[in-house]
């Protein structure tokens, strides 16, 4: 079991940074690379879950050593056997093939859904020139907004819809109108409503 766990950890160490960067520093090149890898990763996990020999090996460990394993060891084996069942290890071959196709489609659609939300989030911003409009906004949020405006070649503050800025505005900003605009933009992202209605519509 240790070699298999080691293999999972090696893959996670390689893939987790890619997934994180795709969410926080997304670019066309990274997005293309990420999406190209998704079918491979989905196939890998599906094949593992459908491996009857591997499932039997886990069951053999449980049958032979289940009563002598430490609680945490037994839990690991029990969870693995549960995951095999949920992954369809007992399905007939044709159902396994269909399962694999559905999982690959799901991974692709989920990635597209996330991309739409990210694109809608990045597309919205609010340029503020009157400091009274951001009364109550914490200093760190003001600093980020000032820097963003400078990068855009504008005076004042440029507020974006990224989660830290959204939370800061909704929690601390005294400007009710600004809070309303932020809330509407946030809850209608990637939909047929709001500031970018239909542009990145996940309801279709």
N, C-alpha and C. Protein backbone atom coordinates (compact mmCIF):
# COMPACT_ATOMS: atom_id res chain seq x y z
N UNK A 1 0.81 -1.21 0.00
CA UNK A 1 0.00 0.00 0.00
C UNK A 1 0.85 1.26 0.00
N UNK A 2 2.00 1.20 0.65
CA UNK A 2 2.87 2.38 0.70
C UNK A 2 3.31 2.84 -0.69
N UNK A 3 3.72 1.93 -1.59
CA UNK A 3 4.09 2.40 -2.94
C UNK A 3 2.94 3.09 -3.67
N UNK A 4 1.73 2.58 -3.50
CA UNK A 4 0.58 3.20 -4.16
C UNK A 4 0.32 4.60 -3.59
N UNK A 5 0.39 4.72 -2.26
CA UNK A 5 0.22 6.03 -1.64
C UNK A 5 1.31 7.00 -2.10
N UNK A 6 2.53 6.49 -2.22
CA UNK A 6 3.63 7.32 -2.71
C UNK A 6 3.38 7.82 -4.12
N UNK A 7 2.81 6.95 -4.96
CA UNK A 7 2.49 7.35 -6.34
C UNK A 7 1.44 8.45 -6.35
N UNK A 8 0.42 8.31 -5.50
CA UNK A 8 -0.61 9.35 -5.42
C UNK A 8 0.00 10.68 -4.99
N UNK A 9 0.89 10.64 -4.01
CA UNK A 9 1.49 11.87 -3.50
C UNK A 9 2.39 12.53 -4.54
N UNK A 10 3.12 11.73 -5.31
CA UNK A 10 3.98 12.31 -6.35
C UNK A 10 3.13 13.03 -7.40
N UNK A 11 2.02 12.41 -7.77
CA UNK A 11 1.14 13.05 -8.75
C UNK A 11 0.54 14.32 -8.18
N UNK A 12 0.12 14.27 -6.91
CA UNK A 12 -0.48 15.45 -6.29
C UNK A 12 0.52 16.60 -6.20
N UNK A 13 1.78 16.28 -5.88
CA UNK A 13 2.79 17.34 -5.78
C UNK A 13 3.04 17.99 -7.12
N UNK A 14 2.90 17.22 -8.20
CA UNK A 14 3.11 17.79 -9.54
C UNK A 14 1.88 18.56 -10.03
N UNK A 15 0.69 18.02 -9.74
CA UNK A 15 -0.52 18.59 -10.32
C UNK A 15 -1.14 19.69 -9.48
N UNK A 16 -1.04 19.62 -8.18
CA UNK A 16 -1.69 20.62 -7.33
C UNK A 16 -1.22 22.04 -7.63
N UNK A 17 0.08 22.30 -7.81
CA UNK A 17 0.49 23.67 -8.18
C UNK A 17 -0.09 24.12 -9.51
N UNK A 18 -0.22 23.18 -10.45
CA UNK A 18 -0.78 23.54 -11.76
C UNK A 18 -2.23 23.95 -11.60
N UNK A 19 -2.99 23.16 -10.85
CA UNK A 19 -4.39 23.50 -10.63
C UNK A 19 -4.55 24.82 -9.89
N UNK A 20 -3.68 25.05 -8.90
CA UNK A 20 -3.76 26.31 -8.15
C UNK A 20 -3.44 27.50 -9.05
N UNK A 21 -2.37 27.40 -9.82
CA UNK A 21 -1.99 28.51 -10.71
C UNK A 21 -3.06 28.75 -11.76
N UNK A 22 -3.70 27.70 -12.22
CA UNK A 22 -4.77 27.87 -13.21
C UNK A 22 -5.92 28.67 -12.64
N UNK A 23 -6.10 28.62 -11.32
CA UNK A 23 -7.17 29.37 -10.69
C UNK A 23 -6.80 30.79 -10.33
N UNK A 24 -5.51 31.04 -10.04
CA UNK A 24 -5.13 32.37 -9.53
C UNK A 24 -4.27 33.18 -10.48
N UNK A 25 -3.61 32.52 -11.44
CA UNK A 25 -2.78 33.24 -12.43
C UNK A 25 -3.06 32.69 -13.82
N UNK A 26 -4.34 32.61 -14.14
CA UNK A 26 -4.77 31.98 -15.37
C UNK A 26 -4.26 32.72 -16.60
N UNK A 27 -3.85 31.96 -17.61
CA UNK A 27 -3.45 32.53 -18.91
C UNK A 27 -3.91 31.56 -19.98
N UNK A 28 -3.91 32.00 -21.23
CA UNK A 28 -4.34 31.13 -22.33
C UNK A 28 -3.45 29.90 -22.42
N UNK A 29 -2.14 30.08 -22.22
CA UNK A 29 -1.21 28.96 -22.33
C UNK A 29 -1.42 27.96 -21.21
N UNK A 30 -1.56 28.46 -19.98
CA UNK A 30 -1.77 27.58 -18.84
C UNK A 30 -3.11 26.88 -18.94
N UNK A 31 -4.12 27.61 -19.37
CA UNK A 31 -5.45 27.01 -19.52
C UNK A 31 -5.42 25.87 -20.53
N UNK A 32 -4.73 26.07 -21.64
CA UNK A 32 -4.65 25.03 -22.67
C UNK A 32 -3.91 23.80 -22.14
N UNK A 33 -2.82 24.03 -21.41
CA UNK A 33 -2.06 22.90 -20.85
C UNK A 33 -2.90 22.16 -19.80
N UNK A 34 -3.60 22.90 -18.97
CA UNK A 34 -4.43 22.30 -17.93
C UNK A 34 -5.51 21.42 -18.56
N UNK A 35 -6.19 21.95 -19.56
CA UNK A 35 -7.27 21.20 -20.19
C UNK A 35 -6.75 20.00 -20.97
N UNK A 36 -5.53 20.10 -21.49
CA UNK A 36 -4.95 18.96 -22.20
C UNK A 36 -4.65 17.81 -21.25
N UNK A 37 -4.36 18.13 -20.01
CA UNK A 37 -4.02 17.09 -19.02
C UNK A 37 -5.25 16.46 -18.38
N UNK A 38 -6.36 17.14 -18.38
CA UNK A 38 -7.54 16.63 -17.68
C UNK A 38 -7.98 15.24 -18.14
N UNK A 39 -8.05 14.95 -19.46
CA UNK A 39 -8.45 13.60 -19.86
C UNK A 39 -7.48 12.53 -19.36
N UNK A 40 -6.19 12.85 -19.32
CA UNK A 40 -5.20 11.88 -18.85
C UNK A 40 -5.39 11.60 -17.37
N UNK A 41 -5.59 12.64 -16.58
CA UNK A 41 -5.78 12.47 -15.14
C UNK A 41 -7.09 11.74 -14.85
N UNK A 42 -8.13 12.07 -15.60
CA UNK A 42 -9.41 11.40 -15.41
C UNK A 42 -9.29 9.92 -15.74
N UNK A 43 -8.61 9.60 -16.83
CA UNK A 43 -8.42 8.20 -17.21
C UNK A 43 -7.61 7.46 -16.16
N UNK A 44 -6.59 8.12 -15.62
CA UNK A 44 -5.76 7.50 -14.57
C UNK A 44 -6.60 7.12 -13.35
N UNK A 45 -7.39 8.06 -12.85
CA UNK A 45 -8.20 7.79 -11.66
C UNK A 45 -9.30 6.78 -11.96
N UNK A 46 -9.87 6.83 -13.17
CA UNK A 46 -10.91 5.87 -13.52
C UNK A 46 -10.35 4.46 -13.61
N UNK A 47 -9.19 4.31 -14.23
CA UNK A 47 -8.59 2.99 -14.35
C UNK A 47 -8.20 2.42 -12.99
N UNK A 48 -7.71 3.27 -12.10
CA UNK A 48 -7.40 2.81 -10.75
C UNK A 48 -8.67 2.32 -10.05
N UNK A 49 -9.73 3.09 -10.16
CA UNK A 49 -10.97 2.73 -9.50
C UNK A 49 -11.62 1.48 -10.05
N UNK A 50 -11.30 1.14 -11.30
CA UNK A 50 -11.87 -0.04 -11.95
C UNK A 50 -10.94 -1.25 -11.91
N UNK A 51 -9.82 -1.13 -11.22
CA UNK A 51 -8.84 -2.21 -11.19
C UNK A 51 -9.26 -3.27 -10.17
N UNK A 52 -9.86 -4.35 -10.68
CA UNK A 52 -10.38 -5.40 -9.80
C UNK A 52 -9.26 -6.09 -9.03
N UNK A 53 -8.10 -6.26 -9.66
CA UNK A 53 -6.98 -6.90 -8.98
C UNK A 53 -6.49 -6.08 -7.80
N UNK A 54 -6.44 -4.77 -7.99
CA UNK A 54 -6.00 -3.90 -6.91
C UNK A 54 -7.03 -3.89 -5.78
N UNK A 55 -8.30 -3.88 -6.15
CA UNK A 55 -9.36 -3.94 -5.14
C UNK A 55 -9.26 -5.24 -4.35
N UNK A 56 -9.00 -6.35 -5.05
CA UNK A 56 -8.87 -7.64 -4.37
C UNK A 56 -7.68 -7.63 -3.42
N UNK A 57 -6.61 -6.94 -3.79
CA UNK A 57 -5.43 -6.86 -2.91
C UNK A 57 -5.77 -6.11 -1.62
N UNK A 58 -6.53 -5.03 -1.74
CA UNK A 58 -6.96 -4.31 -0.54
C UNK A 58 -7.86 -5.20 0.32
N UNK A 59 -8.76 -5.93 -0.34
CA UNK A 59 -9.65 -6.81 0.41
C UNK A 59 -8.87 -7.91 1.11
N UNK A 60 -7.81 -8.39 0.46
CA UNK A 60 -6.98 -9.42 1.07
C UNK A 60 -6.29 -8.89 2.34
N UNK A 61 -5.86 -7.63 2.28
CA UNK A 61 -5.27 -7.02 3.47
C UNK A 61 -6.30 -6.95 4.59
N UNK A 62 -7.50 -6.54 4.24
CA UNK A 62 -8.55 -6.44 5.26
C UNK A 62 -8.90 -7.81 5.84
N UNK A 63 -8.99 -8.83 4.98
CA UNK A 63 -9.35 -10.17 5.44
C UNK A 63 -8.26 -10.77 6.32
N UNK A 64 -7.00 -10.53 5.97
CA UNK A 64 -5.90 -11.17 6.68
C UNK A 64 -5.47 -10.40 7.92
N UNK A 65 -5.57 -9.07 7.87
CA UNK A 65 -5.00 -8.25 8.94
C UNK A 65 -5.98 -7.26 9.55
N UNK A 66 -7.23 -7.32 9.12
CA UNK A 66 -8.20 -6.31 9.56
C UNK A 66 -8.34 -6.20 11.06
N UNK A 67 -8.25 -7.32 11.75
CA UNK A 67 -8.45 -7.30 13.20
C UNK A 67 -7.21 -6.85 13.95
N UNK A 68 -6.06 -6.84 13.29
CA UNK A 68 -4.82 -6.47 13.97
C UNK A 68 -4.30 -5.10 13.56
N UNK A 69 -4.92 -4.50 12.56
CA UNK A 69 -4.49 -3.18 12.11
C UNK A 69 -4.80 -2.13 13.17
N UNK A 70 -3.95 -1.10 13.22
CA UNK A 70 -4.25 0.06 14.05
C UNK A 70 -5.49 0.75 13.49
N UNK A 71 -6.25 1.46 14.32
CA UNK A 71 -7.49 2.10 13.84
C UNK A 71 -7.29 2.96 12.60
N UNK A 72 -6.20 3.74 12.58
CA UNK A 72 -5.99 4.61 11.42
C UNK A 72 -5.63 3.80 10.18
N UNK A 73 -4.90 2.67 10.35
CA UNK A 73 -4.58 1.81 9.21
C UNK A 73 -5.85 1.16 8.66
N UNK A 74 -6.68 0.66 9.57
CA UNK A 74 -7.92 0.03 9.13
C UNK A 74 -8.81 1.03 8.38
N UNK A 75 -8.83 2.27 8.87
CA UNK A 75 -9.64 3.29 8.22
C UNK A 75 -9.17 3.54 6.79
N UNK A 76 -7.86 3.54 6.58
CA UNK A 76 -7.31 3.75 5.23
C UNK A 76 -7.79 2.64 4.30
N UNK A 77 -7.74 1.40 4.77
CA UNK A 77 -8.15 0.27 3.93
C UNK A 77 -9.66 0.32 3.68
N UNK A 78 -10.42 0.60 4.72
CA UNK A 78 -11.87 0.70 4.55
C UNK A 78 -12.25 1.79 3.55
N UNK A 79 -11.60 2.93 3.64
CA UNK A 79 -11.90 4.02 2.69
C UNK A 79 -11.54 3.63 1.27
N UNK A 80 -10.42 2.92 1.11
CA UNK A 80 -10.01 2.49 -0.22
C UNK A 80 -11.04 1.53 -0.82
N UNK A 81 -11.52 0.57 -0.02
CA UNK A 81 -12.52 -0.37 -0.51
C UNK A 81 -13.84 0.34 -0.83
N UNK A 82 -14.20 1.32 -0.02
CA UNK A 82 -15.39 2.13 -0.30
C UNK A 82 -15.24 2.86 -1.62
N UNK A 83 -14.07 3.45 -1.85
CA UNK A 83 -13.83 4.21 -3.09
C UNK A 83 -13.89 3.30 -4.31
N UNK A 84 -13.38 2.07 -4.18
CA UNK A 84 -13.50 1.13 -5.30
C UNK A 84 -14.96 0.86 -5.62
N UNK A 85 -15.77 0.63 -4.61
CA UNK A 85 -17.20 0.36 -4.84
C UNK A 85 -17.87 1.56 -5.51
N UNK A 86 -17.59 2.77 -4.99
CA UNK A 86 -18.21 3.96 -5.56
C UNK A 86 -17.73 4.24 -6.98
N UNK A 87 -16.51 3.82 -7.29
CA UNK A 87 -15.97 4.04 -8.64
C UNK A 87 -16.48 3.01 -9.64
N UNK A 88 -17.24 2.01 -9.17
CA UNK A 88 -17.82 1.04 -10.09
C UNK A 88 -16.93 -0.13 -10.42
N UNK A 89 -16.10 -0.57 -9.47
CA UNK A 89 -15.20 -1.68 -9.75
C UNK A 89 -15.94 -2.96 -10.11
N UNK A 90 -17.18 -3.10 -9.66
CA UNK A 90 -17.96 -4.32 -9.92
C UNK A 90 -18.83 -4.22 -11.16
N UNK A 91 -18.78 -3.11 -11.85
CA UNK A 91 -19.58 -2.95 -13.06
C UNK A 91 -19.09 -3.88 -14.17
N UNK A 92 -19.99 -4.30 -15.07
CA UNK A 92 -19.55 -5.07 -16.25
C UNK A 92 -18.71 -4.18 -17.17
N UNK A 93 -17.90 -4.78 -18.04
CA UNK A 93 -16.96 -4.00 -18.87
C UNK A 93 -17.61 -2.86 -19.65
N UNK A 94 -18.79 -3.12 -20.24
CA UNK A 94 -19.40 -2.07 -21.05
C UNK A 94 -19.86 -0.90 -20.18
N UNK A 95 -20.29 -1.18 -18.95
CA UNK A 95 -20.69 -0.09 -18.05
C UNK A 95 -19.47 0.68 -17.56
N UNK A 96 -18.35 -0.01 -17.38
CA UNK A 96 -17.12 0.68 -16.99
C UNK A 96 -16.68 1.65 -18.09
N UNK A 97 -16.81 1.21 -19.34
CA UNK A 97 -16.44 2.07 -20.45
C UNK A 97 -17.33 3.32 -20.48
N UNK A 98 -18.61 3.12 -20.27
CA UNK A 98 -19.53 4.26 -20.24
C UNK A 98 -19.20 5.17 -19.06
N UNK A 99 -18.89 4.58 -17.91
CA UNK A 99 -18.52 5.36 -16.72
C UNK A 99 -17.31 6.23 -17.03
N UNK A 100 -16.30 5.66 -17.68
CA UNK A 100 -15.09 6.41 -18.01
C UNK A 100 -15.39 7.59 -18.93
N UNK A 101 -16.26 7.36 -19.92
CA UNK A 101 -16.61 8.44 -20.84
C UNK A 101 -17.36 9.56 -20.13
N UNK A 102 -18.24 9.19 -19.20
CA UNK A 102 -19.00 10.20 -18.45
C UNK A 102 -18.07 11.00 -17.56
N UNK A 103 -17.12 10.34 -16.90
CA UNK A 103 -16.19 11.03 -16.02
C UNK A 103 -15.30 12.00 -16.80
N UNK A 104 -14.88 11.61 -18.00
CA UNK A 104 -14.06 12.51 -18.82
C UNK A 104 -14.88 13.72 -19.25
N UNK A 105 -16.13 13.49 -19.64
CA UNK A 105 -17.00 14.60 -20.02
C UNK A 105 -17.25 15.52 -18.84
N UNK A 106 -17.45 14.94 -17.67
CA UNK A 106 -17.69 15.74 -16.47
C UNK A 106 -16.50 16.63 -16.15
N UNK A 107 -15.29 16.08 -16.27
CA UNK A 107 -14.09 16.86 -15.99
C UNK A 107 -13.97 18.03 -16.96
N UNK A 108 -14.29 17.79 -18.23
CA UNK A 108 -14.21 18.85 -19.24
C UNK A 108 -15.24 19.95 -18.98
N UNK A 109 -16.46 19.53 -18.67
CA UNK A 109 -17.53 20.50 -18.42
C UNK A 109 -17.25 21.29 -17.14
N UNK A 110 -16.75 20.61 -16.12
CA UNK A 110 -16.44 21.31 -14.87
C UNK A 110 -15.35 22.35 -15.09
N UNK A 111 -14.34 22.01 -15.90
CA UNK A 111 -13.28 22.97 -16.19
C UNK A 111 -13.85 24.18 -16.93
N UNK A 112 -14.74 23.94 -17.89
CA UNK A 112 -15.33 25.04 -18.64
C UNK A 112 -16.18 25.92 -17.72
N UNK A 113 -16.91 25.29 -16.80
CA UNK A 113 -17.71 26.03 -15.83
C UNK A 113 -16.82 26.96 -15.01
N UNK A 114 -15.72 26.42 -14.50
CA UNK A 114 -14.80 27.21 -13.69
C UNK A 114 -14.19 28.35 -14.49
N UNK A 115 -13.87 28.09 -15.76
CA UNK A 115 -13.29 29.12 -16.61
C UNK A 115 -14.28 30.26 -16.82
N UNK A 116 -15.55 29.93 -17.01
CA UNK A 116 -16.56 30.97 -17.19
C UNK A 116 -16.68 31.85 -15.94
N UNK A 117 -16.67 31.23 -14.77
CA UNK A 117 -16.75 32.00 -13.53
C UNK A 117 -15.52 32.89 -13.39
N UNK A 118 -14.34 32.35 -13.69
CA UNK A 118 -13.12 33.13 -13.58
C UNK A 118 -13.11 34.29 -14.57
N UNK A 119 -13.52 34.03 -15.81
CA UNK A 119 -13.54 35.09 -16.81
C UNK A 119 -14.53 36.19 -16.44
N UNK A 120 -15.69 35.80 -15.93
CA UNK A 120 -16.68 36.79 -15.53
C UNK A 120 -16.19 37.61 -14.33
N UNK A 121 -15.48 36.95 -13.43
CA UNK A 121 -14.92 37.65 -12.27
C UNK A 121 -13.88 38.67 -12.71
N UNK A 122 -12.99 38.25 -13.60
CA UNK A 122 -11.91 39.13 -14.05
C UNK A 122 -12.39 40.28 -14.92
N UNK A 123 -13.55 40.10 -15.55
CA UNK A 123 -14.03 41.12 -16.50
C UNK A 123 -14.65 42.33 -15.80
N UNK A 124 -15.06 42.16 -14.55
CA UNK A 124 -15.78 43.25 -13.87
C UNK A 124 -14.82 44.07 -13.00
N UNK A 125 -14.99 45.37 -13.02
CA UNK A 125 -14.22 46.25 -12.14
C UNK A 125 -14.99 47.55 -11.94
N UNK A 126 -14.56 48.31 -10.93
CA UNK A 126 -15.20 49.58 -10.66
C UNK A 126 -14.12 50.63 -10.40
N UNK A 127 -14.09 51.67 -11.22
CA UNK A 127 -13.11 52.74 -11.08
C UNK A 127 -13.69 53.82 -10.17
N UNK A 128 -12.98 54.13 -9.10
CA UNK A 128 -13.43 55.12 -8.12
C UNK A 128 -12.44 56.29 -8.10
N UNK A 129 -12.96 57.50 -8.18
CA UNK A 129 -12.10 58.68 -8.10
C UNK A 129 -12.37 59.51 -6.85
N UNK A 130 -13.53 59.32 -6.24
CA UNK A 130 -13.90 60.05 -5.03
C UNK A 130 -13.68 59.14 -3.82
N UNK A 131 -12.73 59.51 -2.97
CA UNK A 131 -12.37 58.67 -1.84
C UNK A 131 -13.55 58.44 -0.89
N UNK A 132 -14.51 59.33 -0.89
CA UNK A 132 -15.67 59.16 -0.02
C UNK A 132 -16.48 57.91 -0.39
N UNK A 133 -16.37 57.49 -1.63
CA UNK A 133 -17.12 56.32 -2.07
C UNK A 133 -16.57 55.01 -1.51
N UNK A 134 -15.33 55.03 -1.01
CA UNK A 134 -14.76 53.81 -0.44
C UNK A 134 -14.52 53.97 1.06
N UNK A 135 -15.30 54.82 1.69
CA UNK A 135 -15.18 55.01 3.13
C UNK A 135 -15.38 53.68 3.86
N UNK A 136 -14.49 53.41 4.79
CA UNK A 136 -14.55 52.17 5.56
C UNK A 136 -13.72 51.05 4.99
N UNK A 137 -13.29 51.16 3.74
CA UNK A 137 -12.50 50.11 3.12
C UNK A 137 -11.14 50.02 3.80
N UNK A 138 -10.69 48.83 4.21
CA UNK A 138 -9.41 48.70 4.91
C UNK A 138 -8.23 49.21 4.08
N UNK A 139 -7.17 49.57 4.76
CA UNK A 139 -6.01 50.17 4.11
C UNK A 139 -5.38 49.23 3.09
N UNK A 140 -5.31 47.94 3.40
CA UNK A 140 -4.68 47.01 2.45
C UNK A 140 -5.49 46.89 1.17
N UNK A 141 -6.82 46.93 1.29
CA UNK A 141 -7.66 46.87 0.10
C UNK A 141 -7.54 48.16 -0.71
N UNK A 142 -7.43 49.29 -0.03
CA UNK A 142 -7.23 50.55 -0.73
C UNK A 142 -5.90 50.56 -1.48
N UNK A 143 -4.88 50.01 -0.82
CA UNK A 143 -3.56 49.98 -1.45
C UNK A 143 -3.58 49.14 -2.73
N UNK A 144 -4.22 47.97 -2.66
CA UNK A 144 -4.31 47.12 -3.86
C UNK A 144 -5.08 47.84 -4.97
N UNK A 145 -6.15 48.52 -4.59
CA UNK A 145 -6.97 49.22 -5.57
C UNK A 145 -6.21 50.39 -6.19
N UNK A 146 -5.40 51.08 -5.38
CA UNK A 146 -4.59 52.18 -5.89
C UNK A 146 -3.55 51.66 -6.90
N UNK A 147 -2.92 50.54 -6.56
CA UNK A 147 -1.93 49.96 -7.46
C UNK A 147 -2.59 49.50 -8.76
N UNK A 148 -3.76 48.91 -8.66
CA UNK A 148 -4.46 48.45 -9.86
C UNK A 148 -4.81 49.62 -10.77
N UNK A 149 -5.22 50.73 -10.19
CA UNK A 149 -5.53 51.92 -11.00
C UNK A 149 -4.28 52.44 -11.68
N UNK A 150 -3.16 52.45 -10.96
CA UNK A 150 -1.91 52.93 -11.55
C UNK A 150 -1.49 52.06 -12.73
N UNK A 151 -1.64 50.74 -12.57
CA UNK A 151 -1.30 49.82 -13.67
C UNK A 151 -2.17 50.10 -14.89
N UNK A 152 -3.43 50.44 -14.64
CA UNK A 152 -4.35 50.74 -15.74
C UNK A 152 -4.18 52.17 -16.28
N UNK A 153 -3.25 52.93 -15.68
CA UNK A 153 -3.01 54.29 -16.13
C UNK A 153 -4.09 55.27 -15.72
N UNK A 154 -4.72 55.01 -14.58
CA UNK A 154 -5.81 55.87 -14.12
C UNK A 154 -5.53 56.40 -12.73
N UNK A 155 -6.18 57.49 -12.40
CA UNK A 155 -6.11 58.03 -11.04
C UNK A 155 -7.10 57.28 -10.14
N UNK A 156 -6.97 57.50 -8.85
CA UNK A 156 -7.94 56.95 -7.92
C UNK A 156 -7.72 55.49 -7.62
N UNK A 157 -8.80 54.71 -7.59
CA UNK A 157 -8.77 53.33 -7.15
C UNK A 157 -9.54 52.46 -8.15
N UNK A 158 -8.99 51.29 -8.43
CA UNK A 158 -9.64 50.34 -9.32
C UNK A 158 -9.98 49.10 -8.50
N UNK A 159 -11.26 48.90 -8.25
CA UNK A 159 -11.72 47.77 -7.45
C UNK A 159 -12.15 46.63 -8.37
N UNK A 160 -11.62 45.45 -8.11
CA UNK A 160 -11.97 44.29 -8.92
C UNK A 160 -12.87 43.35 -8.12
N UNK A 161 -13.28 42.28 -8.74
CA UNK A 161 -14.24 41.36 -8.13
C UNK A 161 -13.55 40.13 -7.55
N UNK A 162 -12.23 40.20 -7.37
CA UNK A 162 -11.55 39.07 -6.76
C UNK A 162 -12.06 38.88 -5.33
N UNK A 163 -12.02 37.65 -4.80
CA UNK A 163 -12.61 37.38 -3.47
C UNK A 163 -12.13 38.29 -2.35
N UNK A 164 -10.82 38.58 -2.21
CA UNK A 164 -10.41 39.47 -1.11
C UNK A 164 -11.03 40.86 -1.20
N UNK A 165 -11.09 41.42 -2.41
CA UNK A 165 -11.67 42.75 -2.57
C UNK A 165 -13.17 42.70 -2.33
N UNK A 166 -13.83 41.68 -2.86
CA UNK A 166 -15.27 41.54 -2.66
C UNK A 166 -15.60 41.46 -1.16
N UNK A 167 -14.87 40.62 -0.43
CA UNK A 167 -15.12 40.48 1.00
C UNK A 167 -14.87 41.80 1.73
N UNK A 168 -13.81 42.50 1.35
CA UNK A 168 -13.50 43.77 2.01
C UNK A 168 -14.60 44.80 1.78
N UNK A 169 -15.08 44.88 0.55
CA UNK A 169 -16.14 45.85 0.24
C UNK A 169 -17.43 45.48 0.98
N UNK A 170 -17.82 44.22 0.90
CA UNK A 170 -19.09 43.81 1.50
C UNK A 170 -19.06 43.87 3.02
N UNK A 171 -17.89 43.71 3.62
CA UNK A 171 -17.79 43.68 5.07
C UNK A 171 -17.59 45.07 5.66
N UNK A 172 -16.81 45.92 4.98
CA UNK A 172 -16.38 47.16 5.62
C UNK A 172 -16.84 48.45 4.94
N UNK A 173 -17.15 48.42 3.67
CA UNK A 173 -17.43 49.66 2.94
C UNK A 173 -18.78 50.25 3.37
N UNK A 174 -18.77 51.55 3.64
CA UNK A 174 -19.99 52.22 4.08
C UNK A 174 -20.92 52.58 2.93
N UNK A 175 -20.42 52.51 1.70
CA UNK A 175 -21.18 52.93 0.53
C UNK A 175 -22.17 51.83 0.13
N UNK A 176 -23.45 52.06 0.43
CA UNK A 176 -24.46 51.04 0.15
C UNK A 176 -24.59 50.76 -1.35
N UNK A 177 -24.51 51.80 -2.15
CA UNK A 177 -24.63 51.63 -3.60
C UNK A 177 -23.50 50.77 -4.15
N UNK A 178 -22.28 51.00 -3.65
CA UNK A 178 -21.14 50.22 -4.11
C UNK A 178 -21.29 48.76 -3.67
N UNK A 179 -21.73 48.55 -2.43
CA UNK A 179 -21.93 47.19 -1.96
C UNK A 179 -22.98 46.48 -2.81
N UNK A 180 -24.04 47.18 -3.17
CA UNK A 180 -25.09 46.59 -4.00
C UNK A 180 -24.54 46.19 -5.36
N UNK A 181 -23.74 47.07 -5.97
CA UNK A 181 -23.16 46.77 -7.28
C UNK A 181 -22.24 45.55 -7.20
N UNK A 182 -21.43 45.51 -6.15
CA UNK A 182 -20.54 44.36 -5.97
C UNK A 182 -21.34 43.08 -5.80
N UNK A 183 -22.36 43.13 -4.98
CA UNK A 183 -23.16 41.93 -4.72
C UNK A 183 -23.83 41.43 -6.00
N UNK A 184 -24.41 42.35 -6.76
CA UNK A 184 -25.07 41.95 -8.01
C UNK A 184 -24.07 41.32 -8.97
N UNK A 185 -22.90 41.95 -9.11
CA UNK A 185 -21.89 41.41 -10.03
C UNK A 185 -21.42 40.03 -9.57
N UNK A 186 -21.30 39.84 -8.25
CA UNK A 186 -20.79 38.58 -7.71
C UNK A 186 -21.78 37.44 -7.91
N UNK A 187 -23.03 37.66 -7.55
CA UNK A 187 -24.01 36.57 -7.58
C UNK A 187 -24.52 36.26 -8.99
N UNK A 188 -24.24 37.12 -9.95
CA UNK A 188 -24.69 36.87 -11.32
C UNK A 188 -23.55 36.48 -12.24
N UNK A 189 -22.37 36.21 -11.68
CA UNK A 189 -21.24 35.81 -12.52
C UNK A 189 -21.60 34.57 -13.36
N UNK A 190 -21.15 34.59 -14.61
CA UNK A 190 -21.31 33.44 -15.51
C UNK A 190 -22.77 32.99 -15.60
N UNK A 191 -23.68 33.95 -15.74
CA UNK A 191 -25.10 33.62 -15.85
C UNK A 191 -25.73 34.47 -16.95
N UNK A 192 -27.06 34.36 -17.03
CA UNK A 192 -27.79 35.16 -18.02
C UNK A 192 -28.29 36.45 -17.41
N UNK A 193 -27.76 36.83 -16.25
CA UNK A 193 -28.18 38.06 -15.57
C UNK A 193 -26.95 38.91 -15.26
N UNK A 194 -27.20 40.14 -14.80
CA UNK A 194 -26.13 40.97 -14.29
C UNK A 194 -25.37 41.75 -15.34
N UNK A 195 -24.24 42.33 -14.94
CA UNK A 195 -23.48 43.23 -15.82
C UNK A 195 -22.99 42.59 -17.11
N UNK A 196 -22.69 41.30 -17.06
CA UNK A 196 -22.19 40.61 -18.26
C UNK A 196 -23.16 39.50 -18.67
N UNK A 197 -24.44 39.81 -18.64
CA UNK A 197 -25.47 38.82 -18.91
C UNK A 197 -25.22 38.06 -20.21
N UNK A 198 -25.16 36.74 -20.10
CA UNK A 198 -25.04 35.89 -21.28
C UNK A 198 -23.66 35.75 -21.88
N UNK A 199 -22.69 36.53 -21.41
CA UNK A 199 -21.37 36.50 -22.04
C UNK A 199 -20.60 35.24 -21.68
N UNK A 200 -20.67 34.84 -20.44
CA UNK A 200 -20.07 33.56 -20.01
C UNK A 200 -21.13 32.79 -19.25
N UNK A 201 -22.12 32.31 -19.95
CA UNK A 201 -23.34 31.80 -19.32
C UNK A 201 -23.23 30.30 -19.03
N UNK A 202 -23.11 29.97 -17.75
CA UNK A 202 -23.04 28.57 -17.35
C UNK A 202 -24.41 27.89 -17.32
N UNK A 203 -25.47 28.63 -17.52
CA UNK A 203 -26.80 28.02 -17.51
C UNK A 203 -27.16 27.36 -18.84
N UNK A 204 -26.31 27.58 -19.84
CA UNK A 204 -26.59 26.99 -21.15
C UNK A 204 -25.89 25.65 -21.30
